[in-house]
Amino acid sequence: MFATASRLFLALIKHDPTARALVVAMPEVFPWVRHLSPDELRAFTLELVDALSDAAELDVDVATQEVIAAWRATARIKADPAHYAEARKPTSGDFGPVQVSA
């Protein structure tokens, strides 16, 4: 079934290179995409479809989870204007190990 869904998404994108149908549906599945720009939403949609295709064909869904987590983190930062402004400031130096939170 996973492979069928992935093939459906790929077929939609082949017939609609802008992925309008999928882009329109994304907020119902991922409400946080409202914090992404239109270009970011399209990029997320296409990246997700590629990851789903790989997951279906290779039976490995780690990439799919990583794509969703990465774009969700982007949306989370952009949802808070203060954090987004801070994230856009230039940095220098080594800040040590990164703490990953769920």
PDB file of N, CA and C in Angstrom:
ATOM      1  N   MET A   1       0.821  -1.187   0.000  1.00  0.00           N
ATOM      2  CA  MET A   1       0.000   0.000   0.000  1.00  0.00           C
ATOM      3  C   MET A   1       0.866   1.252   0.000  1.00  0.00           C
ATOM      4  N   PHE A   2       1.958   1.252   0.786  1.00  0.00           N
ATOM      5  CA  PHE A   2       2.866   2.386   0.843  1.00  0.00           C
ATOM      6  C   PHE A   2       3.428   2.679  -0.540  1.00  0.00           C
ATOM      7  N   ALA A   3       3.800   1.612  -1.270  1.00  0.00           N
ATOM      8  CA  ALA A   3       4.339   1.778  -2.616  1.00  0.00           C
ATOM      9  C   ALA A   3       3.287   2.372  -3.542  1.00  0.00           C
ATOM     10  N   THR A   4       2.051   1.975  -3.401  1.00  0.00           N
ATOM     11  CA  THR A   4       0.973   2.499  -4.237  1.00  0.00           C
ATOM     12  C   THR A   4       0.774   3.989  -3.996  1.00  0.00           C
ATOM     13  N   ALA A   5       0.777   4.400  -2.741  1.00  0.00           N
ATOM     14  CA  ALA A   5       0.619   5.823  -2.420  1.00  0.00           C
ATOM     15  C   ALA A   5       1.772   6.625  -2.995  1.00  0.00           C
ATOM     16  N   SER A   6       2.969   6.116  -2.866  1.00  0.00           N
ATOM     17  CA  SER A   6       4.132   6.813  -3.402  1.00  0.00           C
ATOM     18  C   SER A   6       4.048   6.935  -4.917  1.00  0.00           C
ATOM     19  N   ARG A   7       3.604   5.893  -5.582  1.00  0.00           N
ATOM     20  CA  ARG A   7       3.455   5.948  -7.047  1.00  0.00           C
ATOM     21  C   ARG A   7       2.364   6.939  -7.455  1.00  0.00           C
ATOM     22  N   LEU A   8       1.312   7.026  -6.655  1.00  0.00           N
ATOM     23  CA  LEU A   8       0.246   7.993  -6.913  1.00  0.00           C
ATOM     24  C   LEU A   8       0.802   9.415  -6.833  1.00  0.00           C
ATOM     25  N   PHE A   9       1.570   9.704  -5.792  1.00  0.00           N
ATOM     26  CA  PHE A   9       2.171  11.028  -5.645  1.00  0.00           C
ATOM     27  C   PHE A   9       3.101  11.337  -6.818  1.00  0.00           C
ATOM     28  N   LEU A  10       3.911  10.364  -7.196  1.00  0.00           N
ATOM     29  CA  LEU A  10       4.829  10.574  -8.318  1.00  0.00           C
ATOM     30  C   LEU A  10       4.072  10.832  -9.617  1.00  0.00           C
ATOM     31  N   ALA A  11       2.987  10.101  -9.829  1.00  0.00           N
ATOM     32  CA  ALA A  11       2.174  10.314 -11.032  1.00  0.00           C
ATOM     33  C   ALA A  11       1.559  11.707 -11.033  1.00  0.00           C
ATOM     34  N   LEU A  12       1.070  12.161  -9.879  1.00  0.00           N
ATOM     35  CA  LEU A  12       0.520  13.515  -9.780  1.00  0.00           C
ATOM     36  C   LEU A  12       1.569  14.559 -10.138  1.00  0.00           C
ATOM     37  N   ILE A  13       2.767  14.373  -9.647  1.00  0.00           N
ATOM     38  CA  ILE A  13       3.822  15.345  -9.912  1.00  0.00           C
ATOM     39  C   ILE A  13       4.234  15.318 -11.379  1.00  0.00           C
ATOM     40  N   LYS A  14       4.239  14.143 -12.007  1.00  0.00           N
ATOM     41  CA  LYS A  14       4.566  14.059 -13.433  1.00  0.00           C
ATOM     42  C   LYS A  14       3.584  14.874 -14.265  1.00  0.00           C
ATOM     43  N   HIS A  15       2.321  14.855 -13.878  1.00  0.00           N
ATOM     44  CA  HIS A  15       1.293  15.561 -14.642  1.00  0.00           C
ATOM     45  C   HIS A  15       1.104  16.996 -14.181  1.00  0.00           C
ATOM     46  N   ASP A  16       1.669  17.335 -13.052  1.00  0.00           N
ATOM     47  CA  ASP A  16       1.557  18.687 -12.506  1.00  0.00           C
ATOM     48  C   ASP A  16       2.887  19.036 -11.853  1.00  0.00           C
ATOM     49  N   PRO A  17       3.849  19.538 -12.640  1.00  0.00           N
ATOM     50  CA  PRO A  17       5.191  19.788 -12.125  1.00  0.00           C
ATOM     51  C   PRO A  17       5.240  20.713 -10.907  1.00  0.00           C
ATOM     52  N   THR A  18       4.238  21.556 -10.722  1.00  0.00           N
ATOM     53  CA  THR A  18       4.241  22.440  -9.557  1.00  0.00           C
ATOM     54  C   THR A  18       3.682  21.729  -8.332  1.00  0.00           C
ATOM     55  N   ALA A  19       3.168  20.524  -8.512  1.00  0.00           N
ATOM     56  CA  ALA A  19       2.609  19.717  -7.425  1.00  0.00           C
ATOM     57  C   ALA A  19       1.477  20.444  -6.713  1.00  0.00           C
ATOM     58  N   ARG A  20       0.668  21.185  -7.465  1.00  0.00           N
ATOM     59  CA  ARG A  20      -0.416  21.977  -6.866  1.00  0.00           C
ATOM     60  C   ARG A  20      -1.350  21.136  -6.010  1.00  0.00           C
ATOM     61  N   ALA A  21      -1.772  19.989  -6.517  1.00  0.00           N
ATOM     62  CA  ALA A  21      -2.725  19.161  -5.770  1.00  0.00           C
ATOM     63  C   ALA A  21      -2.144  18.740  -4.424  1.00  0.00           C
ATOM     64  N   LEU A  22      -0.877  18.341  -4.424  1.00  0.00           N
ATOM     65  CA  LEU A  22      -0.257  17.925  -3.170  1.00  0.00           C
ATOM     66  C   LEU A  22       0.000  19.112  -2.252  1.00  0.00           C
ATOM     67  N   VAL A  23       0.454  20.213  -2.829  1.00  0.00           N
ATOM     68  CA  VAL A  23       0.732  21.406  -2.028  1.00  0.00           C
ATOM     69  C   VAL A  23      -0.533  21.893  -1.333  1.00  0.00           C
ATOM     70  N   VAL A  24      -1.665  21.843  -2.041  1.00  0.00           N
ATOM     71  CA  VAL A  24      -2.940  22.272  -1.460  1.00  0.00           C
ATOM     72  C   VAL A  24      -3.344  21.357  -0.297  1.00  0.00           C
ATOM     73  N   ALA A  25      -3.040  20.075  -0.408  1.00  0.00           N
ATOM     74  CA  ALA A  25      -3.433  19.109   0.616  1.00  0.00           C
ATOM     75  C   ALA A  25      -2.484  19.075   1.820  1.00  0.00           C
ATOM     76  N   MET A  26      -1.278  19.557   1.669  1.00  0.00           N
ATOM     77  CA  MET A  26      -0.275  19.446   2.729  1.00  0.00           C
ATOM     78  C   MET A  26      -0.714  20.032   4.082  1.00  0.00           C
ATOM     79  N   PRO A  27      -1.369  21.203   4.138  1.00  0.00           N
ATOM     80  CA  PRO A  27      -1.760  21.739   5.450  1.00  0.00           C
ATOM     81  C   PRO A  27      -2.738  20.854   6.230  1.00  0.00           C
ATOM     82  N   GLU A  28      -3.491  20.027   5.531  1.00  0.00           N
ATOM     83  CA  GLU A  28      -4.394  19.115   6.238  1.00  0.00           C
ATOM     84  C   GLU A  28      -3.628  18.006   6.947  1.00  0.00           C
ATOM     85  N   VAL A  29      -2.507  17.621   6.366  1.00  0.00           N
ATOM     86  CA  VAL A  29      -1.698  16.547   6.940  1.00  0.00           C
ATOM     87  C   VAL A  29      -0.641  17.107   7.895  1.00  0.00           C
ATOM     88  N   PHE A  30      -0.052  18.230   7.502  1.00  0.00           N
ATOM     89  CA  PHE A  30       1.000  18.876   8.280  1.00  0.00           C
ATOM     90  C   PHE A  30       0.593  20.332   8.528  1.00  0.00           C
ATOM     91  N   PRO A  31      -0.196  20.601   9.570  1.00  0.00           N
ATOM     92  CA  PRO A  31      -0.700  21.963   9.804  1.00  0.00           C
ATOM     93  C   PRO A  31       0.401  23.013   9.954  1.00  0.00           C
ATOM     94  N   TRP A  32       1.561  22.612  10.395  1.00  0.00           N
ATOM     95  CA  TRP A  32       2.669  23.553  10.616  1.00  0.00           C
ATOM     96  C   TRP A  32       3.237  24.128   9.327  1.00  0.00           C
ATOM     97  N   VAL A  33       2.877  23.595   8.156  1.00  0.00           N
ATOM     98  CA  VAL A  33       3.429  24.134   6.901  1.00  0.00           C
ATOM     99  C   VAL A  33       2.972  25.565   6.641  1.00  0.00           C
ATOM    100  N   ARG A  34       1.983  26.049   7.382  1.00  0.00           N
ATOM    101  CA  ARG A  34       1.526  27.427   7.177  1.00  0.00           C
ATOM    102  C   ARG A  34       2.626  28.432   7.509  1.00  0.00           C
ATOM    103  N   HIS A  35       3.651  27.995   8.225  1.00  0.00           N
ATOM    104  CA  HIS A  35       4.769  28.873   8.564  1.00  0.00           C
ATOM    105  C   HIS A  35       5.862  28.870   7.497  1.00  0.00           C
ATOM    106  N   LEU A  36       5.701  28.033   6.487  1.00  0.00           N
ATOM    107  CA  LEU A  36       6.675  27.979   5.401  1.00  0.00           C
ATOM    108  C   LEU A  36       6.244  28.914   4.276  1.00  0.00           C
ATOM    109  N   SER A  37       7.209  29.410   3.539  1.00  0.00           N
ATOM    110  CA  SER A  37       6.893  30.223   2.364  1.00  0.00           C
ATOM    111  C   SER A  37       6.354  29.299   1.264  1.00  0.00           C
ATOM    112  N   PRO A  38       5.699  29.853   0.251  1.00  0.00           N
ATOM    113  CA  PRO A  38       5.210  29.001  -0.851  1.00  0.00           C
ATOM    114  C   PRO A  38       6.331  28.180  -1.501  1.00  0.00           C
ATOM    115  N   ASP A  39       7.497  28.782  -1.688  1.00  0.00           N
ATOM    116  CA  ASP A  39       8.615  28.035  -2.277  1.00  0.00           C
ATOM    117  C   ASP A  39       9.088  26.919  -1.349  1.00  0.00           C
ATOM    118  N   GLU A  40       9.122  27.199  -0.052  1.00  0.00           N
ATOM    119  CA  GLU A  40       9.518  26.174   0.921  1.00  0.00           C
ATOM    120  C   GLU A  40       8.495  25.046   0.966  1.00  0.00           C
ATOM    121  N   LEU A  41       7.231  25.381   0.873  1.00  0.00           N
ATOM    122  CA  LEU A  41       6.185  24.356   0.876  1.00  0.00           C
ATOM    123  C   LEU A  41       6.317  23.444  -0.334  1.00  0.00           C
ATOM    124  N   ARG A  42       6.566  24.033  -1.495  1.00  0.00           N
ATOM    125  CA  ARG A  42       6.780  23.209  -2.696  1.00  0.00           C
ATOM    126  C   ARG A  42       8.018  22.333  -2.535  1.00  0.00           C
ATOM    127  N   ALA A  43       9.095  22.901  -2.001  1.00  0.00           N
ATOM    128  CA  ALA A  43      10.322  22.126  -1.804  1.00  0.00           C
ATOM    129  C   ALA A  43      10.084  20.965  -0.834  1.00  0.00           C
ATOM    130  N   PHE A  44       9.382  21.237   0.262  1.00  0.00           N
ATOM    131  CA  PHE A  44       9.061  20.179   1.225  1.00  0.00           C
ATOM    132  C   PHE A  44       8.229  19.086   0.556  1.00  0.00           C
ATOM    133  N   THR A  45       7.226  19.483  -0.200  1.00  0.00           N
ATOM    134  CA  THR A  45       6.352  18.514  -0.863  1.00  0.00           C
ATOM    135  C   THR A  45       7.149  17.613  -1.800  1.00  0.00           C
ATOM    136  N   LEU A  46       7.989  18.205  -2.630  1.00  0.00           N
ATOM    137  CA  LEU A  46       8.775  17.413  -3.577  1.00  0.00           C
ATOM    138  C   LEU A  46       9.788  16.523  -2.857  1.00  0.00           C
ATOM    139  N   GLU A  47      10.417  17.060  -1.824  1.00  0.00           N
ATOM    140  CA  GLU A  47      11.383  16.267  -1.059  1.00  0.00           C
ATOM    141  C   GLU A  47      10.687  15.100  -0.354  1.00  0.00           C
ATOM    142  N   LEU A  48       9.496  15.340   0.163  1.00  0.00           N
ATOM    143  CA  LEU A  48       8.738  14.284   0.827  1.00  0.00           C
ATOM    144  C   LEU A  48       8.335  13.196  -0.156  1.00  0.00           C
ATOM    145  N   VAL A  49       7.884  13.585  -1.333  1.00  0.00           N
ATOM    146  CA  VAL A  49       7.495  12.586  -2.342  1.00  0.00           C
ATOM    147  C   VAL A  49       8.699  11.741  -2.748  1.00  0.00           C
ATOM    148  N   ASP A  50       9.849  12.365  -2.922  1.00  0.00           N
ATOM    149  CA  ASP A  50      11.061  11.605  -3.240  1.00  0.00           C
ATOM    150  C   ASP A  50      11.390  10.614  -2.126  1.00  0.00           C
ATOM    151  N   ALA A  51      11.298  11.076  -0.873  1.00  0.00           N
ATOM    152  CA  ALA A  51      11.592  10.192   0.260  1.00  0.00           C
ATOM    153  C   ALA A  51      10.586   9.054   0.349  1.00  0.00           C
ATOM    154  N   LEU A  52       9.306   9.355   0.096  1.00  0.00           N
ATOM    155  CA  LEU A  52       8.280   8.305   0.122  1.00  0.00           C
ATOM    156  C   LEU A  52       8.528   7.278  -0.977  1.00  0.00           C
ATOM    157  N   SER A  53       8.960   7.747  -2.130  1.00  0.00           N
ATOM    158  CA  SER A  53       9.269   6.836  -3.231  1.00  0.00           C
ATOM    159  C   SER A  53      10.416   5.906  -2.842  1.00  0.00           C
ATOM    160  N   ASP A  54      11.466   6.485  -2.268  1.00  0.00           N
ATOM    161  CA  ASP A  54      12.586   5.656  -1.820  1.00  0.00           C
ATOM    162  C   ASP A  54      12.128   4.664  -0.756  1.00  0.00           C
ATOM    163  N   ALA A  55      11.298   5.130   0.170  1.00  0.00           N
ATOM    164  CA  ALA A  55      10.812   4.246   1.229  1.00  0.00           C
ATOM    165  C   ALA A  55      10.022   3.089   0.644  1.00  0.00           C
ATOM    166  N   ALA A  56       9.194   3.378  -0.345  1.00  0.00           N
ATOM    167  CA  ALA A  56       8.370   2.331  -0.947  1.00  0.00           C
ATOM    168  C   ALA A  56       9.216   1.333  -1.729  1.00  0.00           C
ATOM    169  N   GLU A  57      10.184   1.840  -2.463  1.00  0.00           N
ATOM    170  CA  GLU A  57      10.990   0.968  -3.313  1.00  0.00           C
ATOM    171  C   GLU A  57      12.081   0.231  -2.538  1.00  0.00           C
ATOM    172  N   LEU A  58      12.600   0.858  -1.477  1.00  0.00           N
ATOM    173  CA  LEU A  58      13.717   0.277  -0.733  1.00  0.00           C
ATOM    174  C   LEU A  58      13.308  -0.275   0.620  1.00  0.00           C
ATOM    175  N   ASP A  59      12.048  -0.072   0.988  1.00  0.00           N
ATOM    176  CA  ASP A  59      11.505  -0.540   2.273  1.00  0.00           C
ATOM    177  C   ASP A  59      12.279   0.028   3.468  1.00  0.00           C
ATOM    178  N   VAL A  60      12.633   1.323   3.352  1.00  0.00           N
ATOM    179  CA  VAL A  60      13.334   2.022   4.420  1.00  0.00           C
ATOM    180  C   VAL A  60      12.712   3.406   4.529  1.00  0.00           C
ATOM    181  N   ASP A  61      12.144   3.719   5.697  1.00  0.00           N
ATOM    182  CA  ASP A  61      11.447   5.002   5.811  1.00  0.00           C
ATOM    183  C   ASP A  61      12.179   6.031   6.667  1.00  0.00           C
ATOM    184  N   VAL A  62      13.454   5.802   6.957  1.00  0.00           N
ATOM    185  CA  VAL A  62      14.223   6.744   7.764  1.00  0.00           C
ATOM    186  C   VAL A  62      14.304   8.101   7.075  1.00  0.00           C
ATOM    187  N   ALA A  63      14.539   8.112   5.765  1.00  0.00           N
ATOM    188  CA  ALA A  63      14.650   9.378   5.028  1.00  0.00           C
ATOM    189  C   ALA A  63      13.348  10.168   5.118  1.00  0.00           C
ATOM    190  N   THR A  64      12.223   9.491   5.064  1.00  0.00           N
ATOM    191  CA  THR A  64      10.925  10.164   5.160  1.00  0.00           C
ATOM    192  C   THR A  64      10.802  10.865   6.504  1.00  0.00           C
ATOM    193  N   GLN A  65      11.154  10.174   7.557  1.00  0.00           N
ATOM    194  CA  GLN A  65      11.095  10.765   8.900  1.00  0.00           C
ATOM    195  C   GLN A  65      12.041  11.953   9.020  1.00  0.00           C
ATOM    196  N   GLU A  66      13.218  11.847   8.411  1.00  0.00           N
ATOM    197  CA  GLU A  66      14.193  12.931   8.466  1.00  0.00           C
ATOM    198  C   GLU A  66      13.697  14.161   7.710  1.00  0.00           C
ATOM    199  N   VAL A  67      13.087  13.956   6.552  1.00  0.00           N
ATOM    200  CA  VAL A  67      12.550  15.071   5.767  1.00  0.00           C
ATOM    201  C   VAL A  67      11.476  15.800   6.575  1.00  0.00           C
ATOM    202  N   ILE A  68      10.561  15.052   7.141  1.00  0.00           N
ATOM    203  CA  ILE A  68       9.480  15.666   7.928  1.00  0.00           C
ATOM    204  C   ILE A  68      10.049  16.400   9.143  1.00  0.00           C
ATOM    205  N   ALA A  69      10.979  15.776   9.852  1.00  0.00           N
ATOM    206  CA  ALA A  69      11.564  16.401  11.044  1.00  0.00           C
ATOM    207  C   ALA A  69      12.309  17.688  10.691  1.00  0.00           C
ATOM    208  N   ALA A  70      13.050  17.665   9.596  1.00  0.00           N
ATOM    209  CA  ALA A  70      13.826  18.847   9.203  1.00  0.00           C
ATOM    210  C   ALA A  70      12.913  20.015   8.832  1.00  0.00           C
ATOM    211  N   TRP A  71      11.892  19.751   8.021  1.00  0.00           N
ATOM    212  CA  TRP A  71      10.987  20.829   7.622  1.00  0.00           C
ATOM    213  C   TRP A  71      10.127  21.296   8.784  1.00  0.00           C
ATOM    214  N   ARG A  72       9.771  20.390   9.679  1.00  0.00           N
ATOM    215  CA  ARG A  72       9.001  20.795  10.868  1.00  0.00           C
ATOM    216  C   ARG A  72       9.845  21.710  11.748  1.00  0.00           C
ATOM    217  N   ALA A  73      11.136  21.406  11.864  1.00  0.00           N
ATOM    218  CA  ALA A  73      12.040  22.260  12.639  1.00  0.00           C
ATOM    219  C   ALA A  73      12.141  23.643  11.992  1.00  0.00           C
ATOM    220  N   THR A  74      12.186  23.691  10.689  1.00  0.00           N
ATOM    221  CA  THR A  74      12.208  24.975   9.979  1.00  0.00           C
ATOM    222  C   THR A  74      10.939  25.758  10.280  1.00  0.00           C
ATOM    223  N   ALA A  75       9.803  25.098  10.201  1.00  0.00           N
ATOM    224  CA  ALA A  75       8.526  25.766  10.482  1.00  0.00           C
ATOM    225  C   ALA A  75       8.475  26.241  11.928  1.00  0.00           C
ATOM    226  N   ARG A  76       8.993  25.438  12.850  1.00  0.00           N
ATOM    227  CA  ARG A  76       8.986  25.805  14.272  1.00  0.00           C
ATOM    228  C   ARG A  76       9.792  27.086  14.495  1.00  0.00           C
ATOM    229  N   ILE A  77      10.951  27.184  13.887  1.00  0.00           N
ATOM    230  CA  ILE A  77      11.781  28.390  14.013  1.00  0.00           C
ATOM    231  C   ILE A  77      11.067  29.592  13.410  1.00  0.00           C
ATOM    232  N   LYS A  78      10.487  29.405  12.222  1.00  0.00           N
ATOM    233  CA  LYS A  78       9.827  30.516  11.530  1.00  0.00           C
ATOM    234  C   LYS A  78       8.528  30.943  12.227  1.00  0.00           C
ATOM    235  N   ALA A  79       7.945  30.072  13.024  1.00  0.00           N
ATOM    236  CA  ALA A  79       6.690  30.391  13.713  1.00  0.00           C
ATOM    237  C   ALA A  79       6.899  31.405  14.834  1.00  0.00           C
ATOM    238  N   ASP A  80       8.110  31.500  15.343  1.00  0.00           N
ATOM    239  CA  ASP A  80       8.421  32.432  16.424  1.00  0.00           C
ATOM    240  C   ASP A  80       9.327  33.526  15.865  1.00  0.00           C
ATOM    241  N   PRO A  81       8.792  34.720  15.668  1.00  0.00           N
ATOM    242  CA  PRO A  81       9.586  35.796  15.051  1.00  0.00           C
ATOM    243  C   PRO A  81      10.911  36.075  15.768  1.00  0.00           C
ATOM    244  N   ALA A  82      10.933  35.996  17.091  1.00  0.00           N
ATOM    245  CA  ALA A  82      12.175  36.253  17.830  1.00  0.00           C
ATOM    246  C   ALA A  82      13.221  35.175  17.547  1.00  0.00           C
ATOM    247  N   HIS A  83      12.793  33.899  17.561  1.00  0.00           N
ATOM    248  CA  HIS A  83      13.729  32.816  17.254  1.00  0.00           C
ATOM    249  C   HIS A  83      14.190  32.884  15.800  1.00  0.00           C
ATOM    250  N   TYR A  84      13.278  33.231  14.915  1.00  0.00           N
ATOM    251  CA  TYR A  84      13.633  33.314  13.497  1.00  0.00           C
ATOM    252  C   TYR A  84      14.656  34.428  13.273  1.00  0.00           C
ATOM    253  N   ALA A  85      14.454  35.575  13.898  1.00  0.00           N
ATOM    254  CA  ALA A  85      15.407  36.683  13.770  1.00  0.00           C
ATOM    255  C   ALA A  85      16.772  36.264  14.330  1.00  0.00           C
ATOM    256  N   GLU A  86      16.765  35.576  15.451  1.00  0.00           N
ATOM    257  CA  GLU A  86      18.017  35.102  16.060  1.00  0.00           C
ATOM    258  C   GLU A  86      18.712  34.084  15.150  1.00  0.00           C
ATOM    259  N   ALA A  87      17.950  33.196  14.555  1.00  0.00           N
ATOM    260  CA  ALA A  87      18.509  32.162  13.681  1.00  0.00           C
ATOM    261  C   ALA A  87      19.131  32.747  12.423  1.00  0.00           C
ATOM    262  N   ARG A  88      18.676  33.906  12.008  1.00  0.00           N
ATOM    263  CA  ARG A  88      19.175  34.530  10.788  1.00  0.00           C
ATOM    264  C   ARG A  88      20.430  35.375  11.021  1.00  0.00           C
ATOM    265  N   LYS A  89      20.819  35.580  12.271  1.00  0.00           N
ATOM    266  CA  LYS A  89      22.020  36.364  12.568  1.00  0.00           C
ATOM    267  C   LYS A  89      23.268  35.567  12.212  1.00  0.00           C
ATOM    268  N   PRO A  90      24.292  36.247  11.701  1.00  0.00           N
ATOM    269  CA  PRO A  90      25.547  35.551  11.394  1.00  0.00           C
ATOM    270  C   PRO A  90      26.202  35.023  12.675  1.00  0.00           C
ATOM    271  N   THR A  91      26.891  33.934  12.543  1.00  0.00           N
ATOM    272  CA  THR A  91      27.601  33.340  13.677  1.00  0.00           C
ATOM    273  C   THR A  91      29.051  33.105  13.271  1.00  0.00           C
ATOM    274  N   SER A  92      29.876  32.858  14.267  1.00  0.00           N
ATOM    275  CA  SER A  92      31.259  32.476  13.997  1.00  0.00           C
ATOM    276  C   SER A  92      31.736  31.626  15.167  1.00  0.00           C
ATOM    277  N   GLY A  93      32.749  30.850  14.910  1.00  0.00           N
ATOM    278  CA  GLY A  93      33.317  30.034  15.973  1.00  0.00           C
ATOM    279  C   GLY A  93      32.648  28.679  16.100  1.00  0.00           C
ATOM    280  N   ASP A  94      33.127  27.923  17.058  1.00  0.00           N
ATOM    281  CA  ASP A  94      32.615  26.580  17.318  1.00  0.00           C
ATOM    282  C   ASP A  94      31.784  26.639  18.594  1.00  0.00           C
ATOM    283  N   PHE A  95      30.554  26.218  18.511  1.00  0.00           N
ATOM    284  CA  PHE A  95      29.652  26.266  19.652  1.00  0.00           C
ATOM    285  C   PHE A  95      29.559  24.923  20.371  1.00  0.00           C
ATOM    286  N   GLY A  96      30.407  23.977  20.008  1.00  0.00           N
ATOM    287  CA  GLY A  96      30.432  22.691  20.682  1.00  0.00           C
ATOM    288  C   GLY A  96      29.385  21.729  20.133  1.00  0.00           C
ATOM    289  N   PRO A  97      29.166  20.613  20.835  1.00  0.00           N
ATOM    290  CA  PRO A  97      28.234  19.589  20.352  1.00  0.00           C
ATOM    291  C   PRO A  97      26.799  20.116  20.323  1.00  0.00           C
ATOM    292  N   VAL A  98      26.042  19.589  19.388  1.00  0.00           N
ATOM    293  CA  VAL A  98      24.639  19.967  19.230  1.00  0.00           C
ATOM    294  C   VAL A  98      23.770  19.033  20.053  1.00  0.00           C
ATOM    295  N   GLN A  99      22.851  19.600  20.813  1.00  0.00           N
ATOM    296  CA  GLN A  99      21.899  18.803  21.572  1.00  0.00           C
ATOM    297  C   GLN A  99      20.659  18.593  20.700  1.00  0.00           C
ATOM    298  N   VAL A 100      20.265  17.367  20.517  1.00  0.00           N
ATOM    299  CA  VAL A 100      19.082  17.045  19.717  1.00  0.00           C
ATOM    300  C   VAL A 100      17.930  16.787  20.654  1.00  0.00           C
ATOM    301  N   SER A 101      16.821  17.494  20.417  1.00  0.00           N
ATOM    302  CA  SER A 101      15.640  17.283  21.242  1.00  0.00           C
ATOM    303  C   SER A 101      14.500  16.759  20.387  1.00  0.00           C
ATOM    304  N   ALA A 102      13.628  15.993  20.952  1.00  0.00           N
ATOM    305  CA  ALA A 102      12.520  15.407  20.203  1.00  0.00           C
ATOM    306  C   ALA A 102      11.362  16.343  20.142  1.00  0.00           C
TER     307      ALA A 102
END
